[in-house]
Protein backbone atom coordinates (compact mmCIF):
# COMPACT_ATOMS: atom_id res chain seq x y z
CA UNK A 1 -266.26 -152.00 138.15
CA UNK A 2 -262.53 -151.91 137.24
CA UNK A 3 -260.93 -149.18 134.55
CA UNK A 4 -258.19 -151.54 134.54
CA UNK A 5 -258.34 -152.27 131.25
CA UNK A 6 -257.05 -148.83 130.75
CA UNK A 7 -254.09 -149.96 131.39
CA UNK A 8 -253.31 -145.63 132.76
CA UNK A 9 -254.48 -142.94 134.84
CA UNK A 10 -257.83 -141.79 133.18
CA UNK A 11 -259.57 -139.69 132.82
CA UNK A 12 -263.03 -140.53 133.79
CA UNK A 13 -266.66 -139.00 133.60
CA UNK A 14 -269.58 -140.48 135.80
CA UNK A 15 -272.79 -139.44 135.18
CA UNK A 16 -274.65 -139.84 138.25
CA UNK A 17 -272.81 -139.64 141.06
CA UNK A 18 -275.22 -139.12 144.05
CA UNK A 19 -273.31 -138.97 147.84
CA UNK A 20 -269.42 -139.42 145.90
CA UNK A 21 -268.93 -143.06 146.85
CA UNK A 22 -268.00 -144.25 143.05
CA UNK A 23 -266.19 -140.83 142.21
CA UNK A 24 -263.82 -141.01 145.30
CA UNK A 25 -262.90 -144.80 144.22
CA UNK A 26 -261.90 -143.76 141.00
CA UNK A 27 -260.05 -140.78 141.87
CA UNK A 28 -258.51 -143.19 144.71
CA UNK A 29 -256.97 -145.69 141.90
CA UNK A 30 -255.51 -142.65 140.17
CA UNK A 31 -258.31 -141.27 137.77
CA UNK A 32 -259.17 -138.03 137.50
CA UNK A 33 -262.76 -137.67 137.49
CA UNK A 34 -265.64 -135.31 136.63
CA UNK A 35 -268.32 -136.41 138.72
CA UNK A 36 -272.09 -135.07 137.84
CA UNK A 37 -275.71 -135.04 139.64
CA UNK A 38 -278.41 -133.56 138.54
CA UNK A 39 -279.19 -133.10 142.44
CA UNK A 40 -277.54 -130.23 144.16
CA UNK A 41 -277.74 -132.66 147.75
CA UNK A 42 -276.18 -135.17 146.03
CA UNK A 43 -273.44 -132.72 144.88
CA UNK A 44 -273.28 -131.23 147.84
CA UNK A 45 -272.52 -134.79 150.26
CA UNK A 46 -270.18 -136.28 147.86
CA UNK A 47 -267.92 -132.90 148.52
CA UNK A 48 -268.52 -132.98 152.22
CA UNK A 49 -267.38 -136.62 152.21
CA UNK A 50 -264.42 -136.25 149.63
CA UNK A 51 -261.01 -135.93 151.45
CA UNK A 52 -258.48 -132.97 149.94
CA UNK A 53 -256.52 -133.71 147.48
CA UNK A 54 -258.76 -136.31 145.39
CA UNK A 55 -258.66 -135.70 141.72
CA UNK A 56 -262.22 -134.57 141.50
CA UNK A 57 -264.54 -131.91 140.76
CA UNK A 58 -268.11 -132.52 141.28
CA UNK A 59 -270.64 -130.58 139.65
CA UNK A 60 -274.26 -130.24 139.41
CA UNK A 61 -275.54 -131.04 135.89
CA UNK A 62 -277.47 -133.40 133.88
CA UNK A 63 -276.56 -136.21 131.40
CA UNK A 64 -277.26 -134.82 128.37
CA UNK A 65 -275.82 -131.41 128.50
CA UNK A 66 -272.68 -131.95 130.32
CA UNK A 67 -271.84 -134.85 127.61
CA UNK A 68 -272.57 -132.50 124.96
CA UNK A 69 -270.49 -129.67 126.43
CA UNK A 70 -267.60 -132.19 126.35
CA UNK A 71 -265.29 -132.31 123.81
CA UNK A 72 -265.03 -135.03 121.29
CA UNK A 73 -262.64 -137.76 122.38
CA UNK A 74 -261.46 -136.09 125.48
CA UNK A 75 -262.56 -138.96 127.99
CA UNK A 76 -260.99 -142.21 128.32
CA UNK A 77 -264.07 -144.24 130.08
CA UNK A 78 -267.70 -142.73 131.61
CA UNK A 79 -269.09 -144.52 134.07
CA UNK A 80 -272.60 -144.76 134.90
CA UNK A 81 -273.63 -146.68 138.33
CA UNK A 82 -277.74 -146.83 138.45
CA UNK A 83 -277.86 -144.42 135.93
CA UNK A 84 -280.29 -145.60 133.05
CA UNK A 85 -283.11 -147.44 135.11
CA UNK A 86 -284.27 -143.63 135.71
CA UNK A 87 -283.61 -141.85 132.10
CA UNK A 88 -286.29 -142.50 129.40
CA UNK A 89 -285.65 -144.87 126.39
CA UNK A 90 -285.47 -141.84 124.34
CA UNK A 91 -282.94 -139.99 126.31
CA UNK A 92 -280.94 -143.20 126.93
CA UNK A 93 -280.00 -143.30 123.16
CA UNK A 94 -279.17 -140.01 122.56
CA UNK A 95 -276.84 -139.89 125.88
CA UNK A 96 -275.68 -142.86 124.37
CA UNK A 97 -274.28 -140.85 121.05
CA UNK A 98 -273.00 -138.40 123.49
CA UNK A 99 -270.79 -141.53 125.24
CA UNK A 100 -269.36 -142.94 122.04
CA UNK A 101 -268.56 -139.05 120.83
CA UNK A 102 -266.21 -137.73 124.02
CA UNK A 103 -265.25 -141.26 124.16
CA UNK A 104 -260.87 -141.14 123.05
CA UNK A 105 -260.65 -143.39 120.68
CA UNK A 106 -260.11 -147.47 122.62
CA UNK A 107 -262.28 -145.15 125.58
CA UNK A 108 -264.32 -147.74 127.92
CA UNK A 109 -268.32 -146.84 128.95
CA UNK A 110 -268.53 -149.12 132.29
CA UNK A 111 -272.00 -149.54 133.50
CA UNK A 112 -274.32 -151.15 136.19
CA UNK A 113 -278.13 -151.31 136.03
CA UNK A 114 -280.84 -153.58 137.85
CA UNK A 115 -281.75 -157.02 136.18
CA UNK A 116 -285.09 -157.98 135.56
CA UNK A 117 -284.61 -160.45 138.41
CA UNK A 118 -284.72 -157.87 141.42
CA UNK A 119 -287.79 -158.07 143.98
CA UNK A 120 -288.24 -154.81 142.92
CA UNK A 121 -288.25 -155.45 139.19
CA UNK A 122 -292.34 -157.00 140.24
CA UNK A 123 -293.67 -154.29 142.32
CA UNK A 124 -295.56 -150.78 142.09
CA UNK A 125 -297.28 -151.10 138.82
CA UNK A 126 -296.19 -151.68 135.10
CA UNK A 127 -295.36 -148.96 133.29
CA UNK A 128 -294.03 -150.16 129.90
CA UNK A 129 -292.03 -153.45 129.43
CA UNK A 130 -289.38 -153.75 132.21
CA UNK A 131 -290.58 -150.70 133.43
CA UNK A 132 -292.18 -149.77 136.75
CA UNK A 133 -293.96 -146.77 138.82
CA UNK A 134 -294.14 -146.66 142.41
CA UNK A 135 -293.29 -148.32 145.50
CA UNK A 136 -289.70 -147.87 145.68
CA UNK A 137 -289.40 -145.31 143.06
CA UNK A 138 -291.24 -142.13 142.57
CA UNK A 139 -290.83 -141.90 138.80
CA UNK A 140 -290.40 -144.83 136.51
CA UNK A 141 -287.82 -147.52 136.68
CA UNK A 142 -286.34 -149.95 133.95
CA UNK A 143 -285.10 -153.15 134.98
CA UNK A 144 -282.41 -154.88 132.05
CA UNK A 145 -282.61 -158.54 130.65
CA UNK A 146 -279.43 -159.56 128.71
CA UNK A 147 -281.33 -158.61 125.44
CA UNK A 148 -281.95 -154.91 126.17
CA UNK A 149 -277.91 -154.36 127.42
CA UNK A 150 -277.46 -155.76 123.85
CA UNK A 151 -279.40 -153.37 122.14
CA UNK A 152 -277.77 -150.94 124.26
CA UNK A 153 -274.32 -151.62 122.23
CA UNK A 154 -276.15 -151.90 119.00
CA UNK A 155 -274.08 -148.75 117.68
CA UNK A 156 -270.63 -148.14 118.09
CA UNK A 157 -269.58 -149.63 121.07
CA UNK A 158 -268.16 -153.36 121.22
CA UNK A 159 -269.26 -155.49 123.88
CA UNK A 160 -266.74 -156.70 126.57
CA UNK A 161 -268.03 -158.02 129.46
CA UNK A 162 -271.68 -157.91 130.46
CA UNK A 163 -271.61 -160.01 134.32
CA UNK A 164 -275.28 -160.27 136.32
CA UNK A 165 -273.81 -160.86 139.34
CA UNK A 166 -277.45 -163.09 140.99
CA UNK A 167 -277.13 -162.30 144.57
CA UNK A 168 -277.24 -158.21 143.98
CA UNK A 169 -279.96 -158.35 140.28
CA UNK A 170 -277.45 -156.55 139.08
CA UNK A 171 -275.59 -156.34 135.91
CA UNK A 172 -272.12 -155.00 135.48
CA UNK A 173 -271.12 -154.10 131.39
CA UNK A 174 -268.21 -153.06 129.95
CA UNK A 175 -268.32 -151.33 126.15
CA UNK A 176 -265.57 -150.15 124.08
CA UNK A 177 -265.64 -147.82 122.21
CA UNK A 178 -265.44 -149.12 118.42
CA UNK A 179 -263.18 -147.32 116.13
CA UNK A 180 -264.84 -147.54 112.61
CA UNK A 181 -266.72 -145.09 110.94
CA UNK A 182 -270.13 -144.58 112.60
CA UNK A 183 -272.68 -145.44 109.38
CA UNK A 184 -276.80 -143.84 109.87
CA UNK A 185 -279.13 -146.34 110.86
CA UNK A 186 -281.21 -148.10 108.33
């Protein structure tokens, strides 16, 4: 996933950075990255693998708390690769509200999630609509349909792109912050 639509070096907040592969790619492309992950071991691995001089700040923390502590309109892009699948629906709703709040006018929300076409989407036991628990995942794991993606864009964002890479069963999505006043939901 690229940030080319921003057209300048961007301030990027990465949710669920894991071992930092995407953080390093973003920083190598000239973007300043704040990369967070809940797992201290993941952050340690990311720091070890990152060459000196790349503009990345790694932090251990949870997404919602980090977003709530981030000033309004201070981020050009929020990047979340394979992050939302392990989040409960209520958390995703709150996270998306905070993502919209922290994005600067015209900022982008780039994320990737697994499709229901993924063979893993039929393993384990059902835990809810398109949610499985057990092999290969220890906790509940959501797989996405187009309608589920569209629901994520419902308030405060405009969908620029949603592409399904069928060979990898991966949705890649780019939503742009809609710069109109938000109204309370009906």
